[in-house]
């Protein structure tokens, strides 16, 4: 029944079926967890290896993917590019006050997790010291804590970007 819905998400097993080749290659790179050959990406994108190489070269020129020379050449998602995009998006869509408020909110959340778990970071928490009935909730908290740390870092970068762009020039 879900496949009959108009405008809904594509089936999980074929998320890029209706996309063009360029989009399917992009999607395959985004979902890759390690460097892959053009042939591997082509298999995932359902296209020829030559077509995948063409698009991968374009994405490498843009900085979206990293090309690792060798035999065979391998490609991987450039996480720094996507972080840069996220920071720019935050800076473009938020005021400095909104960014500072979010940084403060996230700082408070992080401080509360540190207090509750008696640790400086989620990595310091030994999940096995908790009762088995609590473990699922602890894992959720640790994931949320790690996300809060990352989001605070990105919001702070965006805040500094906005602050730098609004600083008076000294000419």
Foldseek 3Di string as FASTA:
>chain_A
DQCPDPPDQDPPVCRCVPPDLLVLLLVLQVPDPDWAQLCVSCVSSVHDSVSSVVSQVVCVVVVQWPWDDDVVITIHGRVVVVLVVLLVVLLVPDALVVLVVLLVVLVVLLVVLCVVQVDNALVPHDLVVDDPVCSVVSVVSNVVNVVSVVVSVSSVSSSVVNVVVPDDDDD
